[in-house]
Amino acid sequence: MGKKKDEAATKEAAALNEIAASIRKDFPHLTDGDVAAMIDRAREDFYDRPIREFVPLFVERRIRAQLTAQKE
């Protein structure tokens, strides 16, 4: 079971790295640190959720909604 958790964590980290790159591309005024902090804060809400596959999607949606709201 440990190997599956490790693989899931690796996939989640890779997905979050892709999301970070995408957000930095779409919002170039943000620093790497800004994006990392936003991801960490958004991810905290999903920390103890048993199904991890959708966490990166939820994190990305939350951050993009926040950034879009700030633009308006």
PDB file of N, CA and C in Angstrom:
ATOM      1  N   MET A   1       0.829  -1.195   0.000  1.00  0.00           N
ATOM      2  CA  MET A   1       0.000   0.000   0.000  1.00  0.00           C
ATOM      3  C   MET A   1       0.868   1.251   0.000  1.00  0.00           C
ATOM      4  N   GLY A   2       2.030   1.238   0.602  1.00  0.00           N
ATOM      5  CA  GLY A   2       2.912   2.378   0.647  1.00  0.00           C
ATOM      6  C   GLY A   2       3.355   2.829  -0.725  1.00  0.00           C
ATOM      7  N   LYS A   3       3.595   1.876  -1.617  1.00  0.00           N
ATOM      8  CA  LYS A   3       4.032   2.211  -2.972  1.00  0.00           C
ATOM      9  C   LYS A   3       2.937   2.957  -3.730  1.00  0.00           C
ATOM     10  N   LYS A   4       1.707   2.549  -3.560  1.00  0.00           N
ATOM     11  CA  LYS A   4       0.593   3.233  -4.221  1.00  0.00           C
ATOM     12  C   LYS A   4       0.463   4.664  -3.722  1.00  0.00           C
ATOM     13  N   LYS A   5       0.637   4.864  -2.415  1.00  0.00           N
ATOM     14  CA  LYS A   5       0.569   6.215  -1.855  1.00  0.00           C
ATOM     15  C   LYS A   5       1.698   7.073  -2.406  1.00  0.00           C
ATOM     16  N   ASP A   6       2.887   6.490  -2.508  1.00  0.00           N
ATOM     17  CA  ASP A   6       4.035   7.222  -3.045  1.00  0.00           C
ATOM     18  C   ASP A   6       3.793   7.609  -4.501  1.00  0.00           C
ATOM     19  N   GLU A   7       3.250   6.692  -5.265  1.00  0.00           N
ATOM     20  CA  GLU A   7       2.963   6.969  -6.671  1.00  0.00           C
ATOM     21  C   GLU A   7       1.902   8.057  -6.804  1.00  0.00           C
ATOM     22  N   ALA A   8       0.882   7.991  -5.971  1.00  0.00           N
ATOM     23  CA  ALA A   8      -0.172   9.002  -6.002  1.00  0.00           C
ATOM     24  C   ALA A   8       0.387  10.364  -5.622  1.00  0.00           C
ATOM     25  N   ALA A   9       1.245  10.397  -4.611  1.00  0.00           N
ATOM     26  CA  ALA A   9       1.851  11.660  -4.188  1.00  0.00           C
ATOM     27  C   ALA A   9       2.737  12.229  -5.290  1.00  0.00           C
ATOM     28  N   THR A  10       3.449  11.371  -5.984  1.00  0.00           N
ATOM     29  CA  THR A  10       4.304  11.808  -7.084  1.00  0.00           C
ATOM     30  C   THR A  10       3.468  12.371  -8.227  1.00  0.00           C
ATOM     31  N   LYS A  11       2.369  11.702  -8.553  1.00  0.00           N
ATOM     32  CA  LYS A  11       1.474  12.195  -9.605  1.00  0.00           C
ATOM     33  C   LYS A  11       0.860  13.532  -9.216  1.00  0.00           C
ATOM     34  N   GLU A  12       0.452  13.645  -7.961  1.00  0.00           N
ATOM     35  CA  GLU A  12      -0.150  14.893  -7.487  1.00  0.00           C
ATOM     36  C   GLU A  12       0.866  16.034  -7.564  1.00  0.00           C
ATOM     37  N   ALA A  13       2.088  15.771  -7.126  1.00  0.00           N
ATOM     38  CA  ALA A  13       3.130  16.800  -7.165  1.00  0.00           C
ATOM     39  C   ALA A  13       3.425  17.220  -8.601  1.00  0.00           C
ATOM     40  N   ALA A  14       3.473  16.271  -9.514  1.00  0.00           N
ATOM     41  CA  ALA A  14       3.725  16.589 -10.916  1.00  0.00           C
ATOM     42  C   ALA A  14       2.588  17.437 -11.492  1.00  0.00           C
ATOM     43  N   ALA A  15       1.365  17.075 -11.164  1.00  0.00           N
ATOM     44  CA  ALA A  15       0.215  17.840 -11.641  1.00  0.00           C
ATOM     45  C   ALA A  15       0.226  19.252 -11.080  1.00  0.00           C
ATOM     46  N   LEU A  16       0.582  19.403  -9.815  1.00  0.00           N
ATOM     47  CA  LEU A  16       0.643  20.731  -9.205  1.00  0.00           C
ATOM     48  C   LEU A  16       1.768  21.567  -9.814  1.00  0.00           C
ATOM     49  N   ASN A  17       2.870  20.926 -10.186  1.00  0.00           N
ATOM     50  CA  ASN A  17       3.950  21.648 -10.870  1.00  0.00           C
ATOM     51  C   ASN A  17       3.489  22.153 -12.233  1.00  0.00           C
ATOM     52  N   GLU A  18       2.737  21.342 -12.949  1.00  0.00           N
ATOM     53  CA  GLU A  18       2.193  21.763 -14.245  1.00  0.00           C
ATOM     54  C   GLU A  18       1.214  22.919 -14.069  1.00  0.00           C
ATOM     55  N   ILE A  19       0.401  22.838 -13.045  1.00  0.00           N
ATOM     56  CA  ILE A  19      -0.565  23.903 -12.756  1.00  0.00           C
ATOM     57  C   ILE A  19       0.179  25.198 -12.427  1.00  0.00           C
ATOM     58  N   ALA A  20       1.227  25.096 -11.631  1.00  0.00           N
ATOM     59  CA  ALA A  20       2.013  26.278 -11.274  1.00  0.00           C
ATOM     60  C   ALA A  20       2.587  26.938 -12.522  1.00  0.00           C
ATOM     61  N   ALA A  21       3.117  26.137 -13.423  1.00  0.00           N
ATOM     62  CA  ALA A  21       3.682  26.681 -14.663  1.00  0.00           C
ATOM     63  C   ALA A  21       2.602  27.353 -15.502  1.00  0.00           C
ATOM     64  N   SER A  22       1.441  26.744 -15.569  1.00  0.00           N
ATOM     65  CA  SER A  22       0.337  27.308 -16.337  1.00  0.00           C
ATOM     66  C   SER A  22      -0.150  28.629 -15.751  1.00  0.00           C
ATOM     67  N   ILE A  23      -0.250  28.676 -14.434  1.00  0.00           N
ATOM     68  CA  ILE A  23      -0.687  29.907 -13.774  1.00  0.00           C
ATOM     69  C   ILE A  23       0.344  31.014 -13.974  1.00  0.00           C
ATOM     70  N   ARG A  24       1.627  30.686 -13.844  1.00  0.00           N
ATOM     71  CA  ARG A  24       2.669  31.696 -14.050  1.00  0.00           C
ATOM     72  C   ARG A  24       2.633  32.221 -15.488  1.00  0.00           C
ATOM     73  N   LYS A  25       2.317  31.356 -16.435  1.00  0.00           N
ATOM     74  CA  LYS A  25       2.229  31.772 -17.841  1.00  0.00           C
ATOM     75  C   LYS A  25       1.040  32.722 -18.033  1.00  0.00           C
ATOM     76  N   ASP A  26      -0.093  32.383 -17.444  1.00  0.00           N
ATOM     77  CA  ASP A  26      -1.310  33.175 -17.627  1.00  0.00           C
ATOM     78  C   ASP A  26      -1.345  34.438 -16.767  1.00  0.00           C
ATOM     79  N   PHE A  27      -0.577  34.444 -15.689  1.00  0.00           N
ATOM     80  CA  PHE A  27      -0.524  35.590 -14.774  1.00  0.00           C
ATOM     81  C   PHE A  27       0.948  35.936 -14.531  1.00  0.00           C
ATOM     82  N   PRO A  28       1.603  36.514 -15.536  1.00  0.00           N
ATOM     83  CA  PRO A  28       3.053  36.724 -15.458  1.00  0.00           C
ATOM     84  C   PRO A  28       3.499  37.694 -14.363  1.00  0.00           C
ATOM     85  N   HIS A  29       2.593  38.456 -13.806  1.00  0.00           N
ATOM     86  CA  HIS A  29       2.964  39.373 -12.729  1.00  0.00           C
ATOM     87  C   HIS A  29       3.230  38.647 -11.411  1.00  0.00           C
ATOM     88  N   LEU A  30       2.848  37.376 -11.326  1.00  0.00           N
ATOM     89  CA  LEU A  30       3.065  36.590 -10.103  1.00  0.00           C
ATOM     90  C   LEU A  30       4.463  35.990 -10.097  1.00  0.00           C
ATOM     91  N   THR A  31       5.074  35.972  -8.936  1.00  0.00           N
ATOM     92  CA  THR A  31       6.380  35.322  -8.799  1.00  0.00           C
ATOM     93  C   THR A  31       6.175  33.828  -8.535  1.00  0.00           C
ATOM     94  N   ASP A  32       7.260  33.097  -8.650  1.00  0.00           N
ATOM     95  CA  ASP A  32       7.198  31.668  -8.326  1.00  0.00           C
ATOM     96  C   ASP A  32       6.742  31.474  -6.883  1.00  0.00           C
ATOM     97  N   GLY A  33       7.238  32.320  -5.997  1.00  0.00           N
ATOM     98  CA  GLY A  33       6.859  32.234  -4.586  1.00  0.00           C
ATOM     99  C   GLY A  33       5.387  32.517  -4.363  1.00  0.00           C
ATOM    100  N   ASP A  34       4.849  33.506  -5.102  1.00  0.00           N
ATOM    101  CA  ASP A  34       3.418  33.818  -5.001  1.00  0.00           C
ATOM    102  C   ASP A  34       2.578  32.605  -5.378  1.00  0.00           C
ATOM    103  N   VAL A  35       2.932  32.000  -6.495  1.00  0.00           N
ATOM    104  CA  VAL A  35       2.165  30.853  -6.997  1.00  0.00           C
ATOM    105  C   VAL A  35       2.293  29.676  -6.042  1.00  0.00           C
ATOM    106  N   ALA A  36       3.496  29.417  -5.567  1.00  0.00           N
ATOM    107  CA  ALA A  36       3.702  28.311  -4.624  1.00  0.00           C
ATOM    108  C   ALA A  36       2.879  28.518  -3.357  1.00  0.00           C
ATOM    109  N   ALA A  37       2.855  29.750  -2.856  1.00  0.00           N
ATOM    110  CA  ALA A  37       2.078  30.040  -1.643  1.00  0.00           C
ATOM    111  C   ALA A  37       0.584  29.855  -1.894  1.00  0.00           C
ATOM    112  N   MET A  38       0.124  30.276  -3.042  1.00  0.00           N
ATOM    113  CA  MET A  38      -1.301  30.106  -3.369  1.00  0.00           C
ATOM    114  C   MET A  38      -1.658  28.628  -3.453  1.00  0.00           C
ATOM    115  N   ILE A  39      -0.804  27.856  -4.071  1.00  0.00           N
ATOM    116  CA  ILE A  39      -1.048  26.416  -4.182  1.00  0.00           C
ATOM    117  C   ILE A  39      -1.055  25.779  -2.795  1.00  0.00           C
ATOM    118  N   ASP A  40      -0.104  26.147  -1.968  1.00  0.00           N
ATOM    119  CA  ASP A  40      -0.053  25.581  -0.607  1.00  0.00           C
ATOM    120  C   ASP A  40      -1.320  25.910   0.175  1.00  0.00           C
ATOM    121  N   ARG A  41      -1.774  27.169   0.090  1.00  0.00           N
ATOM    122  CA  ARG A  41      -2.979  27.564   0.830  1.00  0.00           C
ATOM    123  C   ARG A  41      -4.207  26.820   0.305  1.00  0.00           C
ATOM    124  N   ALA A  42      -4.347  26.748  -1.013  1.00  0.00           N
ATOM    125  CA  ALA A  42      -5.509  26.068  -1.585  1.00  0.00           C
ATOM    126  C   ALA A  42      -5.476  24.574  -1.273  1.00  0.00           C
ATOM    127  N   ARG A  43      -4.306  24.015  -1.273  1.00  0.00           N
ATOM    128  CA  ARG A  43      -4.148  22.579  -1.040  1.00  0.00           C
ATOM    129  C   ARG A  43      -4.473  22.184   0.402  1.00  0.00           C
ATOM    130  N   GLU A  44      -4.277  23.099   1.335  1.00  0.00           N
ATOM    131  CA  GLU A  44      -4.549  22.807   2.746  1.00  0.00           C
ATOM    132  C   GLU A  44      -5.993  22.359   2.971  1.00  0.00           C
ATOM    133  N   ASP A  45      -6.912  22.924   2.220  1.00  0.00           N
ATOM    134  CA  ASP A  45      -8.330  22.571   2.390  1.00  0.00           C
ATOM    135  C   ASP A  45      -8.629  21.136   1.993  1.00  0.00           C
ATOM    136  N   PHE A  46      -7.729  20.536   1.238  1.00  0.00           N
ATOM    137  CA  PHE A  46      -7.943  19.173   0.747  1.00  0.00           C
ATOM    138  C   PHE A  46      -6.973  18.185   1.376  1.00  0.00           C
ATOM    139  N   TYR A  47      -6.290  18.610   2.427  1.00  0.00           N
ATOM    140  CA  TYR A  47      -5.216  17.816   3.030  1.00  0.00           C
ATOM    141  C   TYR A  47      -5.640  16.403   3.404  1.00  0.00           C
ATOM    142  N   ASP A  48      -6.765  16.268   4.078  1.00  0.00           N
ATOM    143  CA  ASP A  48      -7.138  14.943   4.584  1.00  0.00           C
ATOM    144  C   ASP A  48      -8.221  14.259   3.753  1.00  0.00           C
ATOM    145  N   ARG A  49      -8.374  14.678   2.532  1.00  0.00           N
ATOM    146  CA  ARG A  49      -9.351  14.028   1.660  1.00  0.00           C
ATOM    147  C   ARG A  49      -8.786  12.694   1.185  1.00  0.00           C
ATOM    148  N   PRO A  50      -9.586  11.641   1.238  1.00  0.00           N
ATOM    149  CA  PRO A  50      -9.064  10.322   0.886  1.00  0.00           C
ATOM    150  C   PRO A  50      -8.814  10.130  -0.611  1.00  0.00           C
ATOM    151  N   ILE A  51      -9.575  10.799  -1.435  1.00  0.00           N
ATOM    152  CA  ILE A  51      -9.389  10.662  -2.882  1.00  0.00           C
ATOM    153  C   ILE A  51      -8.573  11.860  -3.349  1.00  0.00           C
ATOM    154  N   ARG A  52      -7.345  11.615  -3.770  1.00  0.00           N
ATOM    155  CA  ARG A  52      -6.391  12.669  -4.089  1.00  0.00           C
ATOM    156  C   ARG A  52      -6.357  13.022  -5.576  1.00  0.00           C
ATOM    157  N   GLU A  53      -6.962  12.208  -6.421  1.00  0.00           N
ATOM    158  CA  GLU A  53      -6.828  12.388  -7.861  1.00  0.00           C
ATOM    159  C   GLU A  53      -7.309  13.754  -8.357  1.00  0.00           C
ATOM    160  N   PHE A  54      -8.304  14.316  -7.692  1.00  0.00           N
ATOM    161  CA  PHE A  54      -8.881  15.555  -8.178  1.00  0.00           C
ATOM    162  C   PHE A  54      -8.370  16.794  -7.435  1.00  0.00           C
ATOM    163  N   VAL A  55      -7.507  16.607  -6.458  1.00  0.00           N
ATOM    164  CA  VAL A  55      -7.001  17.743  -5.684  1.00  0.00           C
ATOM    165  C   VAL A  55      -6.334  18.785  -6.586  1.00  0.00           C
ATOM    166  N   PRO A  56      -5.457  18.402  -7.515  1.00  0.00           N
ATOM    167  CA  PRO A  56      -4.857  19.433  -8.369  1.00  0.00           C
ATOM    168  C   PRO A  56      -5.899  20.234  -9.164  1.00  0.00           C
ATOM    169  N   LEU A  57      -6.915  19.574  -9.644  1.00  0.00           N
ATOM    170  CA  LEU A  57      -7.974  20.269 -10.378  1.00  0.00           C
ATOM    171  C   LEU A  57      -8.687  21.278  -9.485  1.00  0.00           C
ATOM    172  N   PHE A  58      -9.027  20.865  -8.282  1.00  0.00           N
ATOM    173  CA  PHE A  58      -9.708  21.769  -7.350  1.00  0.00           C
ATOM    174  C   PHE A  58      -8.813  22.939  -6.953  1.00  0.00           C
ATOM    175  N   VAL A  59      -7.538  22.669  -6.756  1.00  0.00           N
ATOM    176  CA  VAL A  59      -6.584  23.723  -6.402  1.00  0.00           C
ATOM    177  C   VAL A  59      -6.496  24.737  -7.537  1.00  0.00           C
ATOM    178  N   GLU A  60      -6.349  24.236  -8.752  1.00  0.00           N
ATOM    179  CA  GLU A  60      -6.246  25.143  -9.909  1.00  0.00           C
ATOM    180  C   GLU A  60      -7.505  25.990 -10.060  1.00  0.00           C
ATOM    181  N   ARG A  61      -8.655  25.383  -9.963  1.00  0.00           N
ATOM    182  CA  ARG A  61      -9.908  26.129 -10.100  1.00  0.00           C
ATOM    183  C   ARG A  61     -10.021  27.223  -9.041  1.00  0.00           C
ATOM    184  N   ARG A  62      -9.649  26.906  -7.821  1.00  0.00           N
ATOM    185  CA  ARG A  62      -9.735  27.881  -6.733  1.00  0.00           C
ATOM    186  C   ARG A  62      -8.799  29.065  -7.001  1.00  0.00           C
ATOM    187  N   ILE A  63      -7.575  28.771  -7.383  1.00  0.00           N
ATOM    188  CA  ILE A  63      -6.603  29.841  -7.619  1.00  0.00           C
ATOM    189  C   ILE A  63      -7.030  30.707  -8.801  1.00  0.00           C
ATOM    190  N   ARG A  64      -7.445  30.092  -9.877  1.00  0.00           N
ATOM    191  CA  ARG A  64      -7.863  30.869 -11.051  1.00  0.00           C
ATOM    192  C   ARG A  64      -9.087  31.726 -10.730  1.00  0.00           C
ATOM    193  N   ALA A  65      -9.994  31.217  -9.945  1.00  0.00           N
ATOM    194  CA  ALA A  65     -11.168  32.007  -9.557  1.00  0.00           C
ATOM    195  C   ALA A  65     -10.736  33.219  -8.720  1.00  0.00           C
ATOM    196  N   GLN A  66      -9.817  33.013  -7.802  1.00  0.00           N
ATOM    197  CA  GLN A  66      -9.316  34.107  -6.973  1.00  0.00           C
ATOM    198  C   GLN A  66      -8.604  35.163  -7.829  1.00  0.00           C
ATOM    199  N   LEU A  67      -7.760  34.708  -8.747  1.00  0.00           N
ATOM    200  CA  LEU A  67      -7.021  35.652  -9.576  1.00  0.00           C
ATOM    201  C   LEU A  67      -7.933  36.405 -10.532  1.00  0.00           C
ATOM    202  N   THR A  68      -8.922  35.730 -11.061  1.00  0.00           N
ATOM    203  CA  THR A  68      -9.883  36.380 -11.956  1.00  0.00           C
ATOM    204  C   THR A  68     -10.696  37.408 -11.200  1.00  0.00           C
ATOM    205  N   ALA A  69     -11.096  37.077  -9.995  1.00  0.00           N
ATOM    206  CA  ALA A  69     -11.864  38.023  -9.173  1.00  0.00           C
ATOM    207  C   ALA A  69     -11.037  39.258  -8.839  1.00  0.00           C
ATOM    208  N   GLN A  70      -9.738  39.076  -8.626  1.00  0.00           N
ATOM    209  CA  GLN A  70      -8.863  40.204  -8.327  1.00  0.00           C
ATOM    210  C   GLN A  70      -8.712  41.129  -9.531  1.00  0.00           C
ATOM    211  N   LYS A  71      -8.732  40.556 -10.730  1.00  0.00           N
ATOM    212  CA  LYS A  71      -8.611  41.355 -11.950  1.00  0.00           C
ATOM    213  C   LYS A  71      -9.811  42.273 -12.142  1.00  0.00           C
ATOM    214  N   GLU A  72     -10.975  41.768 -11.760  1.00  0.00           N
ATOM    215  CA  GLU A  72     -12.226  42.492 -12.014  1.00  0.00           C
ATOM    216  C   GLU A  72     -12.472  43.542 -11.025  1.00  0.00           C
TER     217      GLU A  72
END
